[in-house]
Amino acid sequence: MKISNVIQLLEDLTPLAYAEDFDNVGLLVGNKNNDCTGILVCHDALEEVIDEAVAKNCNLVVCFHPILFSGLKKITGKNYVERSVIKAIKNDIAIFAIHTALDNHREGVNQIFCDTLGLINSKILIPKQNFIYKLTTYVPKNAAKEVQNALFKVGAGSIGNYDECSFSSNGIGSFKGNQYSEPVIGKPHIYEEVEEIKLEFTFEKHLKGNILKALFENHPYEEVAYEIIKTENELQNVGMGMIAELPTEMTEKDFLLMVKEKTQTGGIRHSNYLNKKIKKVAVLGGSGSFAISAAIAQKADAFITADLKYHDYYQAENVILLADIGHFESERYIKNYILDYLTKKITIFAIILSEINTNPVNYI
């Protein structure tokens, strides 16, 4: 198995197109065409993790956080990022990061967060914007079903919990080919009118290439008439954070103690108690201060995240309980999720969970 095959499996788990624009996901170091000897799954691809990969004969490190986040102008080993990259290159080890692609996935980071806390009835807190496109095309009536099915197969017409969604309407198409044309219907220089079906589909923008390929390969006309527009629709099953519920409401203190136990955090920083029960809970793994207003808008009783600053707590405005459980702690089960997924997909070599604790924060 090539490293590229493993990468495809990871992209099947969550398309890299789901990642935020600021992020740096995918293959960061290494040659995807190399044979894969073993996979080490970790949270952060630090230098000691690369040492572990070498010792365990793993030439692919799959990490959650990208070790390369911004550009490098020099690689001299002066900091932890450069040392890790140098060691990976020296030992021919590839590094693949998944980060916000898995953050934004419906079954990814924040669903795992909800499951850890025993939350139910979860849905995306901040659905992804500007990600849905619409295709319109015109097909002769006798070929419409074939084109429609071909587009369904590559992901056109998937909306939330539904697949194979489209709209069709009848009409009359007209055309006249010039001397260079080879029309399927009629002859050059002859005006034609044909009974056609107008087909319309929405699709996620990263599927555009595959959808156009399927359209051109299955449409019978020499020249395919089509339109693609970007919509303002939200992608309901992809996005940041989750809003969910506790099976039974809890006091604020009992809730925080439960969160502390289940996330194994060394401490929780939180806003003022409001002396109300906690039932509706918003979560966002990693740095989530930007989602406070969304949690309030969704009428959450509590918002659990990480990396809140002093002034962020004022945004609670006495309507929500804000709690910072620590960045690593809010994401700590992600590497287990990736390991379980790859273990089910690959049986020909070892897939190993890193034993290195890469959490840089300690508690006393």
Protein backbone atom coordinates (compact mmCIF):
# COMPACT_ATOMS: atom_id res chain seq x y z
CA MET A 1 0.00 0.00 0.00
CA LYS A 2 1.24 3.45 -0.94
CA ILE A 3 1.06 6.47 1.33
CA SER A 4 -1.29 7.96 -1.27
CA ASN A 5 -3.74 5.11 -0.60
CA VAL A 6 -3.77 5.96 3.10
CA ILE A 7 -4.29 9.62 2.25
CA GLN A 8 -7.32 8.67 0.15
CA LEU A 9 -8.76 6.78 3.11
CA LEU A 10 -8.29 9.83 5.30
CA GLU A 11 -9.97 12.04 2.71
CA ASP A 12 -12.83 9.52 2.59
CA LEU A 13 -13.14 10.01 6.35
CA THR A 14 -13.35 13.79 5.93
CA PRO A 15 -12.69 15.79 2.76
CA LEU A 16 -9.82 18.22 3.21
CA ALA A 17 -12.04 20.80 1.52
CA TYR A 18 -13.98 20.97 4.82
CA ALA A 19 -10.94 22.59 6.48
CA GLU A 20 -10.92 26.30 7.25
CA ASP A 21 -9.11 28.59 4.81
CA PHE A 22 -6.51 29.59 7.43
CA ASP A 23 -5.54 25.98 8.11
CA ASN A 24 -2.75 23.85 6.67
CA VAL A 25 -4.04 20.32 6.22
CA GLY A 26 -3.02 17.36 4.09
CA LEU A 27 0.43 15.96 3.32
CA LEU A 28 2.92 18.39 4.88
CA VAL A 29 6.14 16.41 4.53
CA GLY A 30 7.10 13.39 2.44
CA ASN A 31 6.43 11.60 -0.84
CA LYS A 32 2.92 10.21 -1.25
CA ASN A 33 4.16 7.64 -3.77
CA ASN A 34 6.35 5.83 -1.22
CA ASP A 35 5.27 2.47 0.14
CA CYS A 36 3.77 2.75 3.62
CA THR A 37 5.52 0.59 6.24
CA GLY A 38 3.41 1.64 9.21
CA ILE A 39 1.30 4.49 10.56
CA LEU A 40 1.77 6.38 13.82
CA VAL A 41 -1.27 8.40 14.91
CA CYS A 42 -0.66 11.39 17.20
CA HIS A 43 -1.99 14.73 18.29
CA ASP A 44 1.10 16.80 17.43
CA ALA A 45 4.00 15.66 15.22
CA LEU A 46 6.77 16.86 17.54
CA GLU A 47 10.41 15.79 17.30
CA GLU A 48 10.00 13.08 19.94
CA VAL A 49 6.99 11.71 18.03
CA ILE A 50 9.12 11.43 14.89
CA ASP A 51 11.71 9.53 16.99
CA GLU A 52 8.92 7.22 18.08
CA ALA A 53 7.87 6.66 14.46
CA VAL A 54 11.45 5.76 13.52
CA ALA A 55 11.72 3.32 16.44
CA LYS A 56 8.44 1.64 15.49
CA ASN A 57 9.14 1.46 11.74
CA CYS A 58 6.31 3.82 10.82
CA ASN A 59 7.03 6.04 7.85
CA LEU A 60 3.71 7.91 7.98
CA VAL A 61 2.71 10.09 10.90
CA VAL A 62 -0.96 11.08 10.92
CA CYS A 63 -1.43 14.02 13.26
CA PHE A 64 -4.35 16.19 14.26
CA HIS A 65 -2.57 19.55 14.48
CA PRO A 66 -0.34 20.57 11.55
CA ILE A 67 3.29 20.91 12.62
CA LEU A 68 3.69 23.34 9.70
CA PHE A 69 1.14 26.09 10.14
CA SER A 70 2.78 29.09 8.52
CA GLY A 71 5.53 29.35 5.93
CA LEU A 72 9.17 28.57 6.68
CA LYS A 73 11.83 30.79 5.09
CA LYS A 74 14.70 28.82 6.63
CA ILE A 75 15.04 25.31 8.04
CA THR A 76 17.99 25.40 10.41
CA GLY A 77 16.62 23.56 13.42
CA LYS A 78 16.31 26.68 15.56
CA ASN A 79 12.84 25.79 16.88
CA TYR A 80 10.64 22.76 17.55
CA VAL A 81 8.88 23.00 14.17
CA GLU A 82 12.08 23.04 12.12
CA ARG A 83 13.66 20.25 14.19
CA SER A 84 10.65 18.03 13.63
CA VAL A 85 10.58 18.68 9.89
CA ILE A 86 14.34 18.08 9.53
CA LYS A 87 14.10 14.79 11.41
CA ALA A 88 11.10 13.64 9.35
CA ILE A 89 12.87 14.42 6.05
CA LYS A 90 16.11 12.83 7.22
CA ASN A 91 14.30 9.60 8.09
CA ASP A 92 12.00 9.64 5.03
CA ILE A 93 8.87 9.98 7.17
CA ALA A 94 5.72 11.58 5.79
CA ILE A 95 3.50 13.81 7.94
CA PHE A 96 -0.20 14.21 7.24
CA ALA A 97 -2.43 16.63 9.21
CA ILE A 98 -6.23 16.57 9.32
CA HIS A 99 -7.10 19.36 11.82
CA THR A 100 -10.10 21.57 10.92
CA ALA A 101 -11.25 19.18 8.20
CA LEU A 102 -12.15 16.85 11.07
CA ASP A 103 -13.25 19.77 13.26
CA ASN A 104 -15.92 20.60 10.70
CA HIS A 105 -17.07 17.04 9.99
CA ARG A 106 -20.47 15.99 11.32
CA GLU A 107 -19.01 12.91 13.03
CA GLY A 108 -15.66 14.51 13.86
CA VAL A 109 -14.11 16.44 16.71
CA ASN A 110 -17.20 18.03 18.19
CA GLN A 111 -19.43 14.99 17.88
CA ILE A 112 -16.74 13.05 19.73
CA PHE A 113 -16.78 15.86 22.31
CA CYS A 114 -20.57 15.46 22.65
CA ASP A 115 -20.27 11.68 22.98
CA THR A 116 -17.61 12.10 25.68
CA LEU A 117 -19.96 14.27 27.71
CA GLY A 118 -22.98 12.05 27.06
CA LEU A 119 -24.83 14.75 25.12
CA ILE A 120 -27.73 13.89 22.80
CA ASN A 121 -29.66 15.49 19.92
CA SER A 122 -26.55 17.20 18.55
CA LYS A 123 -26.42 19.49 15.53
CA ILE A 124 -23.84 21.82 14.02
CA LEU A 125 -23.43 25.08 15.95
CA ILE A 126 -22.03 27.21 13.09
CA PRO A 127 -22.85 25.67 9.69
CA LYS A 128 -20.29 26.23 6.93
CA GLN A 129 -21.04 29.15 4.64
CA ASN A 130 -20.39 29.74 0.92
CA PHE A 131 -19.84 26.05 0.26
CA ILE A 132 -22.91 25.05 -1.76
CA TYR A 133 -23.04 25.50 -5.52
CA LYS A 134 -25.87 24.85 -7.95
CA LEU A 135 -25.65 23.18 -11.35
CA THR A 136 -28.26 23.67 -14.06
CA THR A 137 -28.08 21.76 -17.32
CA TYR A 138 -30.36 20.97 -20.27
CA VAL A 139 -30.66 17.41 -21.59
CA PRO A 140 -32.75 15.80 -24.34
CA LYS A 141 -35.64 13.99 -22.72
CA ASN A 142 -34.51 10.48 -23.62
CA ALA A 143 -31.08 11.01 -21.98
CA ALA A 144 -32.17 12.90 -18.86
CA LYS A 145 -32.33 9.90 -16.52
CA GLU A 146 -28.87 8.68 -17.50
CA VAL A 147 -27.30 12.10 -16.92
CA GLN A 148 -29.19 12.53 -13.65
CA ASN A 149 -28.00 9.18 -12.28
CA ALA A 150 -24.40 9.83 -13.33
CA LEU A 151 -24.41 13.13 -11.45
CA PHE A 152 -25.98 11.50 -8.38
CA LYS A 153 -23.12 8.98 -8.29
CA VAL A 154 -20.50 11.72 -7.88
CA GLY A 155 -22.32 13.60 -5.15
CA ALA A 156 -24.66 16.01 -6.91
CA GLY A 157 -27.96 16.47 -5.13
CA SER A 158 -26.82 15.72 -1.58
CA ILE A 159 -28.57 18.05 0.88
CA GLY A 160 -28.13 17.50 4.62
CA ASN A 161 -29.58 14.09 5.44
CA TYR A 162 -30.83 13.48 1.90
CA ASP A 163 -29.17 12.24 -1.29
CA GLU A 164 -30.24 12.19 -4.95
CA CYS A 165 -32.12 15.49 -4.70
CA SER A 166 -32.82 17.37 -7.93
CA PHE A 167 -35.46 19.37 -9.75
CA SER A 168 -36.51 18.87 -13.34
CA SER A 169 -38.77 20.81 -15.69
CA ASN A 170 -39.81 20.34 -19.31
CA GLY A 171 -39.04 22.78 -22.08
CA ILE A 172 -37.98 23.25 -25.67
CA GLY A 173 -34.32 23.73 -26.52
CA SER A 174 -33.20 25.22 -29.79
CA PHE A 175 -29.89 25.30 -31.68
CA LYS A 176 -28.27 25.53 -35.10
CA GLY A 177 -24.77 24.20 -35.67
CA ASN A 178 -22.17 25.83 -37.91
CA GLN A 179 -19.98 24.13 -40.50
CA TYR A 180 -17.68 22.73 -37.83
CA SER A 181 -20.42 21.16 -35.73
CA GLU A 182 -21.32 17.48 -35.50
CA PRO A 183 -24.76 17.59 -33.86
CA VAL A 184 -26.23 14.46 -32.28
CA ILE A 185 -29.63 15.64 -33.40
CA GLY A 186 -30.16 17.28 -36.81
CA LYS A 187 -27.58 18.63 -39.25
CA PRO A 188 -25.28 21.67 -39.47
CA HIS A 189 -26.94 24.94 -40.60
CA ILE A 190 -30.41 23.54 -39.82
CA TYR A 191 -32.39 25.14 -36.99
CA GLU A 192 -33.62 22.49 -34.53
CA GLU A 193 -36.05 22.44 -31.65
CA VAL A 194 -35.83 19.54 -29.20
CA GLU A 195 -37.90 18.55 -26.20
CA GLU A 196 -35.46 18.85 -23.28
CA ILE A 197 -35.40 18.44 -19.53
CA LYS A 198 -33.89 21.17 -17.38
CA LEU A 199 -32.04 19.49 -14.49
CA GLU A 200 -30.96 21.35 -11.35
CA PHE A 201 -28.75 20.07 -8.52
CA THR A 202 -26.96 21.56 -5.54
CA PHE A 203 -23.51 20.22 -4.59
CA GLU A 204 -20.56 20.87 -2.28
CA LYS A 205 -18.02 23.02 -4.06
CA HIS A 206 -15.08 20.61 -3.75
CA LEU A 207 -17.04 18.15 -5.94
CA LYS A 208 -17.15 20.55 -8.89
CA GLY A 209 -14.41 18.82 -10.91
CA ASN A 210 -15.96 15.36 -10.57
CA ILE A 211 -19.43 16.68 -11.33
CA LEU A 212 -18.37 18.44 -14.52
CA LYS A 213 -16.44 15.35 -15.60
CA ALA A 214 -19.54 13.18 -15.13
CA LEU A 215 -21.69 15.74 -16.93
CA PHE A 216 -19.44 15.91 -20.00
CA GLU A 217 -18.95 12.14 -20.15
CA ASN A 218 -22.67 11.33 -19.98
CA HIS A 219 -24.36 14.23 -21.74
CA PRO A 220 -25.10 13.30 -25.39
CA TYR A 221 -24.61 16.76 -26.91
CA GLU A 222 -21.39 17.88 -28.56
CA GLU A 223 -21.67 21.22 -26.73
CA VAL A 224 -23.07 20.91 -23.21
CA ALA A 225 -25.13 23.85 -21.97
CA TYR A 226 -24.78 24.30 -18.23
CA GLU A 227 -24.59 26.94 -15.51
CA ILE A 228 -22.91 26.86 -12.09
CA ILE A 229 -23.69 29.47 -9.44
CA LYS A 230 -22.61 29.90 -5.82
CA THR A 231 -25.47 29.97 -3.34
CA GLU A 232 -25.77 31.51 0.12
CA ASN A 233 -27.21 28.32 1.58
CA GLU A 234 -25.66 26.92 4.75
CA LEU A 235 -24.15 23.44 4.74
CA GLN A 236 -26.10 22.13 7.72
CA ASN A 237 -24.04 18.98 8.37
CA VAL A 238 -20.60 20.60 8.10
CA GLY A 239 -19.26 23.34 10.33
CA MET A 240 -17.76 24.42 13.63
CA GLY A 241 -18.97 23.27 17.03
CA MET A 242 -22.07 21.44 18.18
CA ILE A 243 -25.21 22.33 20.09
CA ALA A 244 -26.70 19.43 22.03
CA GLU A 245 -28.50 18.47 25.23
CA LEU A 246 -27.90 16.64 28.47
CA PRO A 247 -30.29 13.70 28.97
CA THR A 248 -31.17 15.21 32.36
CA GLU A 249 -30.56 18.78 33.49
CA MET A 250 -27.84 19.38 36.07
CA THR A 251 -26.73 22.10 38.43
CA GLU A 252 -23.88 24.24 37.14
CA LYS A 253 -21.38 22.86 39.63
CA ASP A 254 -22.35 19.23 39.04
CA PHE A 255 -22.14 19.82 35.31
CA LEU A 256 -18.62 21.26 35.50
CA LEU A 257 -17.47 18.43 37.78
CA MET A 258 -18.83 15.92 35.26
CA VAL A 259 -17.04 17.71 32.41
CA LYS A 260 -13.80 17.76 34.40
CA GLU A 261 -13.99 14.02 35.07
CA LYS A 262 -14.89 12.95 31.54
CA THR A 263 -12.33 15.16 29.79
CA GLN A 264 -9.60 14.39 32.35
CA THR A 265 -8.65 18.03 32.57
CA GLY A 266 -6.49 19.41 35.34
CA GLY A 267 -8.86 22.31 35.89
CA ILE A 268 -11.70 24.35 34.44
CA ARG A 269 -11.81 28.13 34.22
CA HIS A 270 -15.41 29.35 34.02
CA SER A 271 -17.58 32.46 34.10
CA ASN A 272 -19.91 33.37 36.97
CA TYR A 273 -22.52 30.89 38.07
CA LEU A 274 -26.02 31.94 37.02
CA ASN A 275 -27.90 29.77 39.53
CA LYS A 276 -29.80 27.95 36.82
CA LYS A 277 -29.94 24.39 35.58
CA ILE A 278 -27.81 23.23 32.63
CA LYS A 279 -29.67 21.38 29.88
CA LYS A 280 -28.65 22.78 26.48
CA VAL A 281 -24.89 22.68 25.88
CA ALA A 282 -22.69 24.06 23.10
CA VAL A 283 -19.21 22.61 22.57
CA LEU A 284 -16.28 23.52 20.35
CA GLY A 285 -12.99 21.65 20.57
CA GLY A 286 -9.88 23.83 20.51
CA SER A 287 -9.94 27.63 20.48
CA GLY A 288 -13.59 28.61 20.46
CA SER A 289 -14.06 32.17 21.73
CA PHE A 290 -15.36 33.21 18.29
CA ALA A 291 -18.40 30.96 18.83
CA ILE A 292 -19.64 32.50 22.10
CA SER A 293 -22.22 34.65 20.32
CA ALA A 294 -23.44 31.64 18.31
CA ALA A 295 -23.87 29.61 21.51
CA ILE A 296 -25.87 32.44 23.06
CA ALA A 297 -27.98 32.82 19.91
CA GLN A 298 -28.79 29.09 20.08
CA LYS A 299 -29.87 29.63 23.72
CA ALA A 300 -27.27 27.28 25.15
CA ASP A 301 -27.10 27.16 28.94
CA ALA A 302 -23.36 26.42 28.81
CA PHE A 303 -20.54 26.61 26.28
CA ILE A 304 -17.51 24.34 26.70
CA THR A 305 -14.37 25.18 24.73
CA ALA A 306 -10.73 26.22 25.23
CA ASP A 307 -8.28 29.13 25.10
CA LEU A 308 -10.68 31.76 26.46
CA LYS A 309 -9.01 35.06 27.35
CA TYR A 310 -9.82 37.38 30.24
CA HIS A 311 -12.24 39.60 28.34
CA ASP A 312 -13.96 36.63 26.66
CA TYR A 313 -15.65 35.78 29.95
CA TYR A 314 -17.45 39.14 29.96
CA GLN A 315 -19.25 37.97 26.81
CA ALA A 316 -21.23 35.55 29.00
CA GLU A 317 -23.43 38.60 29.76
CA ASN A 318 -25.10 36.67 32.61
CA VAL A 319 -26.98 34.47 30.14
CA ILE A 320 -24.57 31.56 29.62
CA LEU A 321 -21.97 29.60 31.56
CA LEU A 322 -18.62 29.71 29.74
CA ALA A 323 -16.03 27.05 30.56
CA ASP A 324 -12.44 26.60 29.35
CA ILE A 325 -11.29 23.03 29.87
CA GLY A 326 -7.95 23.29 28.02
CA HIS A 327 -7.09 22.96 24.34
CA PHE A 328 -5.62 19.46 24.42
CA GLU A 329 -8.33 18.17 26.76
CA SER A 330 -11.10 19.33 24.44
CA GLU A 331 -9.56 17.31 21.59
CA ARG A 332 -7.90 14.47 23.49
CA TYR A 333 -9.94 11.59 21.99
CA ILE A 334 -9.43 12.56 18.35
CA LYS A 335 -6.33 10.43 17.79
CA ASN A 336 -8.21 7.38 19.11
CA TYR A 337 -10.98 8.08 16.61
CA ILE A 338 -8.50 8.28 13.72
CA LEU A 339 -6.75 5.11 14.93
CA ASP A 340 -10.02 3.16 15.12
CA TYR A 341 -11.01 4.28 11.63
CA LEU A 342 -7.69 3.34 10.02
CA THR A 343 -7.52 0.03 11.89
CA LYS A 344 -10.85 -0.99 10.34
CA LYS A 345 -9.65 -0.01 6.87
CA ILE A 346 -6.07 -1.35 6.91
CA THR A 347 -4.92 -4.78 8.07
CA ILE A 348 -1.64 -5.32 6.23
CA PHE A 349 0.66 -3.37 8.58
CA ALA A 350 0.74 -1.81 12.01
CA ILE A 351 -1.27 1.28 12.93
CA ILE A 352 0.01 2.56 16.25
CA LEU A 353 -1.24 5.16 18.72
CA SER A 354 1.57 7.43 19.83
CA GLU A 355 2.56 7.06 23.48
CA ILE A 356 3.99 10.59 23.63
CA ASN A 357 1.97 13.14 25.59
CA THR A 358 2.24 16.28 23.47
CA ASN A 359 0.09 18.50 25.70
CA PRO A 360 2.34 21.51 26.46
CA VAL A 361 0.15 22.65 29.37
CA ASN A 362 0.70 21.28 32.87
CA TYR A 363 -1.29 21.73 36.07
CA ILE A 364 -0.11 21.85 39.68
